[in-house]
Amino acid sequence: RTATVWKTLSPFWGEEYEVHLQPTFHSVSIYVMDEDALSRDDVIGKVCITRDMLAEHPKGYSGWMSLSEVDPDEEVQGEIHLRVEVQGSQGGRRLLCCTVLEAR
């Protein structure tokens, strides 16, 4: 979970995360949330990083990805700028390095 960026529709994070990918993994989902101080946080949307996407970009991917809906009754607008790269394996598992840059 990233830090919260308050009072902007175009937040910037620059935070990096590492995920160990299981050999059988199909996708990794990143959820974009709207943090509310007095009530439950709202899910704005999500992006999925799939095995096929990583195979199409063997040197990594950097760019804007459109958010997709989590709740089919909710309209989703927005996109998130990610940089993802699969790094060498550790004990037979690959390491996904994902940098969350910004959103709009």
N, C-alpha and C. Protein backbone atom coordinates (compact mmCIF):
# COMPACT_ATOMS: atom_id res chain seq x y z
N ARG A 1 0.86 -1.18 0.00
CA ARG A 1 0.00 0.00 0.00
C ARG A 1 0.90 1.23 0.00
N THR A 2 0.62 2.14 -0.92
CA THR A 2 1.43 3.35 -1.01
C THR A 2 0.98 4.36 0.04
N ALA A 3 1.75 5.40 0.18
CA ALA A 3 1.33 6.53 1.00
C ALA A 3 0.16 7.22 0.32
N THR A 4 -0.65 7.91 1.10
CA THR A 4 -1.79 8.65 0.55
C THR A 4 -1.33 10.02 0.07
N VAL A 5 -1.80 10.40 -1.11
CA VAL A 5 -1.53 11.74 -1.63
C VAL A 5 -2.87 12.46 -1.59
N TRP A 6 -2.96 13.49 -0.75
CA TRP A 6 -4.22 14.17 -0.49
C TRP A 6 -4.48 15.31 -1.46
N LYS A 7 -5.75 15.56 -1.73
CA LYS A 7 -6.27 16.75 -2.41
C LYS A 7 -5.65 17.00 -3.79
N THR A 8 -5.60 15.94 -4.61
CA THR A 8 -5.15 16.09 -5.99
C THR A 8 -5.79 15.01 -6.84
N LEU A 9 -6.09 15.35 -8.08
CA LEU A 9 -6.59 14.36 -9.02
C LEU A 9 -5.46 13.77 -9.86
N SER A 10 -4.23 14.25 -9.65
CA SER A 10 -3.06 13.75 -10.36
C SER A 10 -1.92 13.49 -9.37
N PRO A 11 -2.08 12.48 -8.52
CA PRO A 11 -1.05 12.23 -7.50
C PRO A 11 0.23 11.65 -8.08
N PHE A 12 1.35 11.92 -7.41
CA PHE A 12 2.65 11.35 -7.76
C PHE A 12 3.16 10.58 -6.55
N TRP A 13 3.67 9.36 -6.78
CA TRP A 13 4.21 8.54 -5.68
C TRP A 13 5.69 8.28 -5.85
N GLY A 14 6.07 7.59 -6.93
CA GLY A 14 7.46 7.19 -7.11
C GLY A 14 7.87 6.08 -6.15
N GLU A 15 6.93 5.23 -5.72
CA GLU A 15 7.21 4.15 -4.79
C GLU A 15 7.44 2.84 -5.54
N GLU A 16 8.39 2.05 -5.06
CA GLU A 16 8.76 0.80 -5.72
C GLU A 16 8.42 -0.38 -4.83
N TYR A 17 7.91 -1.45 -5.46
CA TYR A 17 7.55 -2.67 -4.74
C TYR A 17 8.10 -3.88 -5.47
N GLU A 18 8.39 -4.92 -4.71
CA GLU A 18 8.86 -6.17 -5.29
C GLU A 18 7.91 -7.28 -4.88
N VAL A 19 7.56 -8.14 -5.86
CA VAL A 19 6.66 -9.26 -5.63
C VAL A 19 7.34 -10.51 -6.16
N HIS A 20 7.40 -11.56 -5.34
CA HIS A 20 7.92 -12.84 -5.80
C HIS A 20 6.82 -13.55 -6.58
N LEU A 21 7.09 -13.86 -7.85
CA LEU A 21 6.10 -14.51 -8.70
C LEU A 21 6.21 -16.03 -8.57
N GLN A 22 5.10 -16.67 -8.26
CA GLN A 22 5.07 -18.12 -8.23
C GLN A 22 5.16 -18.64 -9.67
N PRO A 23 5.70 -19.82 -9.88
CA PRO A 23 5.80 -20.36 -11.25
C PRO A 23 4.44 -20.48 -11.94
N THR A 24 3.38 -20.62 -11.17
CA THR A 24 2.04 -20.80 -11.75
C THR A 24 1.23 -19.50 -11.80
N PHE A 25 1.84 -18.35 -11.57
CA PHE A 25 1.08 -17.11 -11.51
C PHE A 25 0.45 -16.78 -12.86
N HIS A 26 -0.74 -16.17 -12.83
CA HIS A 26 -1.43 -15.74 -14.05
C HIS A 26 -1.45 -14.23 -14.16
N SER A 27 -1.69 -13.53 -13.03
CA SER A 27 -1.72 -12.07 -13.07
C SER A 27 -1.51 -11.51 -11.67
N VAL A 28 -1.10 -10.24 -11.64
CA VAL A 28 -0.97 -9.47 -10.41
C VAL A 28 -1.86 -8.25 -10.58
N SER A 29 -2.75 -8.01 -9.62
CA SER A 29 -3.66 -6.87 -9.69
C SER A 29 -3.19 -5.76 -8.77
N ILE A 30 -3.30 -4.54 -9.27
CA ILE A 30 -2.98 -3.35 -8.48
C ILE A 30 -4.26 -2.53 -8.38
N TYR A 31 -4.70 -2.30 -7.15
CA TYR A 31 -5.93 -1.57 -6.90
C TYR A 31 -5.64 -0.12 -6.59
N VAL A 32 -6.42 0.79 -7.17
CA VAL A 32 -6.31 2.22 -6.91
C VAL A 32 -7.47 2.59 -5.99
N MET A 33 -7.12 3.17 -4.84
CA MET A 33 -8.11 3.46 -3.80
C MET A 33 -8.21 4.97 -3.56
N ASP A 34 -9.38 5.37 -3.09
CA ASP A 34 -9.62 6.72 -2.62
C ASP A 34 -9.76 6.63 -1.10
N GLU A 35 -8.77 7.11 -0.39
CA GLU A 35 -8.79 7.00 1.07
C GLU A 35 -9.73 8.04 1.67
N ASP A 36 -10.63 7.59 2.52
CA ASP A 36 -11.56 8.47 3.21
C ASP A 36 -11.21 8.48 4.70
N ALA A 37 -11.12 9.67 5.26
CA ALA A 37 -10.74 9.79 6.67
C ALA A 37 -11.82 9.30 7.61
N LEU A 38 -13.09 9.47 7.25
CA LEU A 38 -14.17 9.16 8.18
C LEU A 38 -14.98 7.92 7.81
N SER A 39 -14.73 7.33 6.65
CA SER A 39 -15.48 6.14 6.26
C SER A 39 -14.54 5.15 5.57
N ARG A 40 -15.12 4.07 5.08
CA ARG A 40 -14.33 3.03 4.42
C ARG A 40 -13.73 3.57 3.11
N ASP A 41 -12.50 3.16 2.81
CA ASP A 41 -11.85 3.57 1.57
C ASP A 41 -12.61 3.01 0.37
N ASP A 42 -12.68 3.80 -0.71
CA ASP A 42 -13.37 3.39 -1.92
C ASP A 42 -12.35 2.86 -2.94
N VAL A 43 -12.70 1.77 -3.61
CA VAL A 43 -11.88 1.26 -4.71
C VAL A 43 -12.28 2.02 -5.97
N ILE A 44 -11.33 2.72 -6.57
CA ILE A 44 -11.60 3.48 -7.80
C ILE A 44 -11.55 2.54 -9.01
N GLY A 45 -10.59 1.64 -9.02
CA GLY A 45 -10.43 0.71 -10.13
C GLY A 45 -9.17 -0.11 -9.93
N LYS A 46 -8.83 -0.89 -10.94
CA LYS A 46 -7.63 -1.72 -10.85
C LYS A 46 -7.00 -1.90 -12.21
N VAL A 47 -5.74 -2.32 -12.20
CA VAL A 47 -5.05 -2.77 -13.41
C VAL A 47 -4.49 -4.15 -13.12
N CYS A 48 -4.42 -4.96 -14.16
CA CYS A 48 -3.86 -6.31 -14.02
C CYS A 48 -2.60 -6.43 -14.87
N ILE A 49 -1.55 -6.92 -14.25
CA ILE A 49 -0.32 -7.21 -14.96
C ILE A 49 -0.33 -8.72 -15.18
N THR A 50 -0.46 -9.14 -16.44
CA THR A 50 -0.61 -10.56 -16.73
C THR A 50 0.71 -11.19 -17.17
N ARG A 51 0.73 -12.49 -17.12
CA ARG A 51 1.89 -13.25 -17.60
C ARG A 51 2.15 -12.92 -19.08
N ASP A 52 1.06 -12.82 -19.87
CA ASP A 52 1.21 -12.51 -21.30
C ASP A 52 1.80 -11.13 -21.52
N MET A 53 1.38 -10.14 -20.71
CA MET A 53 1.91 -8.79 -20.84
C MET A 53 3.42 -8.78 -20.56
N LEU A 54 3.83 -9.51 -19.54
CA LEU A 54 5.26 -9.57 -19.21
C LEU A 54 6.04 -10.26 -20.32
N ALA A 55 5.43 -11.29 -20.93
CA ALA A 55 6.10 -11.99 -22.04
C ALA A 55 6.24 -11.08 -23.26
N GLU A 56 5.26 -10.20 -23.50
CA GLU A 56 5.31 -9.26 -24.62
C GLU A 56 6.36 -8.17 -24.43
N HIS A 57 6.73 -7.90 -23.18
CA HIS A 57 7.71 -6.85 -22.86
C HIS A 57 8.85 -7.46 -22.02
N PRO A 58 9.71 -8.28 -22.63
CA PRO A 58 10.75 -8.96 -21.85
C PRO A 58 11.76 -8.02 -21.19
N LYS A 59 11.89 -6.80 -21.69
CA LYS A 59 12.82 -5.84 -21.08
C LYS A 59 12.11 -4.92 -20.12
N GLY A 60 10.83 -5.20 -19.85
CA GLY A 60 10.06 -4.38 -18.93
C GLY A 60 9.08 -3.49 -19.66
N TYR A 61 8.17 -2.91 -18.91
CA TYR A 61 7.13 -2.05 -19.46
C TYR A 61 7.06 -0.79 -18.62
N SER A 62 6.91 0.35 -19.29
CA SER A 62 6.69 1.60 -18.59
C SER A 62 5.65 2.37 -19.39
N GLY A 63 4.56 2.73 -18.73
CA GLY A 63 3.54 3.50 -19.43
C GLY A 63 2.26 3.61 -18.62
N TRP A 64 1.29 4.27 -19.24
CA TRP A 64 -0.01 4.49 -18.62
C TRP A 64 -0.91 3.30 -18.89
N MET A 65 -1.60 2.84 -17.87
CA MET A 65 -2.55 1.73 -18.00
C MET A 65 -3.91 2.23 -17.52
N SER A 66 -4.94 1.98 -18.33
CA SER A 66 -6.29 2.40 -17.96
C SER A 66 -6.83 1.52 -16.85
N LEU A 67 -7.55 2.15 -15.93
CA LEU A 67 -8.17 1.41 -14.85
C LEU A 67 -9.38 0.64 -15.38
N SER A 68 -9.60 -0.55 -14.85
CA SER A 68 -10.81 -1.30 -15.16
C SER A 68 -11.65 -1.38 -13.89
N GLU A 69 -12.93 -1.65 -14.08
CA GLU A 69 -13.84 -1.65 -12.93
C GLU A 69 -13.63 -2.88 -12.06
N VAL A 70 -13.89 -2.70 -10.78
CA VAL A 70 -13.91 -3.79 -9.81
C VAL A 70 -15.37 -4.18 -9.59
N ASP A 71 -16.22 -3.17 -9.49
CA ASP A 71 -17.67 -3.36 -9.34
C ASP A 71 -18.31 -3.07 -10.69
N PRO A 72 -19.01 -4.06 -11.30
CA PRO A 72 -19.58 -3.84 -12.63
C PRO A 72 -20.64 -2.73 -12.68
N ASP A 73 -21.17 -2.31 -11.52
CA ASP A 73 -22.17 -1.25 -11.48
C ASP A 73 -21.55 0.14 -11.37
N GLU A 74 -20.24 0.23 -11.28
CA GLU A 74 -19.56 1.50 -11.12
C GLU A 74 -18.83 1.88 -12.41
N GLU A 75 -18.93 3.14 -12.80
CA GLU A 75 -18.17 3.65 -13.94
C GLU A 75 -16.75 3.97 -13.48
N VAL A 76 -15.78 3.63 -14.31
CA VAL A 76 -14.38 3.85 -13.95
C VAL A 76 -13.74 4.78 -14.96
N GLN A 77 -13.04 5.79 -14.45
CA GLN A 77 -12.24 6.67 -15.28
C GLN A 77 -10.89 6.81 -14.61
N GLY A 78 -9.88 6.91 -15.39
CA GLY A 78 -8.56 7.15 -14.84
C GLY A 78 -7.55 6.15 -15.36
N GLU A 79 -6.30 6.49 -15.09
CA GLU A 79 -5.20 5.61 -15.48
C GLU A 79 -4.05 5.80 -14.52
N ILE A 80 -3.18 4.81 -14.50
CA ILE A 80 -2.04 4.83 -13.59
C ILE A 80 -0.77 4.59 -14.39
N HIS A 81 0.28 5.29 -14.03
CA HIS A 81 1.57 5.17 -14.72
C HIS A 81 2.44 4.22 -13.91
N LEU A 82 2.75 3.08 -14.51
CA LEU A 82 3.55 2.06 -13.85
C LEU A 82 4.81 1.75 -14.65
N ARG A 83 5.81 1.28 -13.94
CA ARG A 83 7.00 0.70 -14.56
C ARG A 83 7.16 -0.68 -13.95
N VAL A 84 7.14 -1.73 -14.78
CA VAL A 84 7.27 -3.10 -14.28
C VAL A 84 8.40 -3.80 -15.01
N GLU A 85 9.10 -4.64 -14.27
CA GLU A 85 10.23 -5.38 -14.84
C GLU A 85 10.38 -6.68 -14.07
N VAL A 86 10.54 -7.77 -14.82
CA VAL A 86 10.83 -9.06 -14.18
C VAL A 86 12.33 -9.18 -14.07
N GLN A 87 12.78 -9.42 -12.84
CA GLN A 87 14.21 -9.56 -12.60
C GLN A 87 14.54 -11.04 -12.42
N GLY A 88 15.82 -11.37 -12.39
CA GLY A 88 16.27 -12.75 -12.29
C GLY A 88 15.59 -13.54 -11.19
N SER A 89 15.68 -14.82 -11.30
CA SER A 89 14.99 -15.68 -10.34
C SER A 89 15.80 -15.84 -9.06
N GLN A 90 15.06 -16.05 -7.97
CA GLN A 90 15.66 -16.34 -6.68
C GLN A 90 15.06 -17.66 -6.21
N GLY A 91 15.85 -18.73 -6.22
CA GLY A 91 15.33 -20.02 -5.80
C GLY A 91 14.22 -20.53 -6.71
N GLY A 92 14.34 -20.27 -8.02
CA GLY A 92 13.33 -20.75 -8.96
C GLY A 92 12.14 -19.82 -9.13
N ARG A 93 12.04 -18.78 -8.31
CA ARG A 93 10.93 -17.81 -8.44
C ARG A 93 11.45 -16.53 -9.04
N ARG A 94 10.65 -15.95 -9.93
CA ARG A 94 11.02 -14.67 -10.53
C ARG A 94 10.56 -13.54 -9.63
N LEU A 95 11.23 -12.41 -9.76
CA LEU A 95 10.93 -11.24 -8.95
C LEU A 95 10.37 -10.15 -9.86
N LEU A 96 9.16 -9.66 -9.55
CA LEU A 96 8.54 -8.57 -10.29
C LEU A 96 8.80 -7.28 -9.54
N CYS A 97 9.48 -6.34 -10.20
CA CYS A 97 9.73 -5.03 -9.62
C CYS A 97 8.72 -4.07 -10.25
N CYS A 98 7.89 -3.46 -9.43
CA CYS A 98 6.83 -2.57 -9.91
C CYS A 98 6.98 -1.21 -9.24
N THR A 99 7.10 -0.17 -10.05
CA THR A 99 7.19 1.19 -9.55
C THR A 99 5.89 1.91 -9.89
N VAL A 100 5.22 2.38 -8.85
CA VAL A 100 4.00 3.17 -9.00
C VAL A 100 4.43 4.63 -9.10
N LEU A 101 4.25 5.22 -10.28
CA LEU A 101 4.74 6.57 -10.49
C LEU A 101 3.67 7.63 -10.22
N GLU A 102 2.59 7.60 -10.97
CA GLU A 102 1.57 8.63 -10.81
C GLU A 102 0.24 8.12 -11.34
N ALA A 103 -0.79 8.91 -11.15
CA ALA A 103 -2.14 8.55 -11.63
C ALA A 103 -2.84 9.82 -12.07
N ARG A 104 -3.91 9.59 -12.85
CA ARG A 104 -4.74 10.72 -13.27
C ARG A 104 -6.13 10.22 -13.58
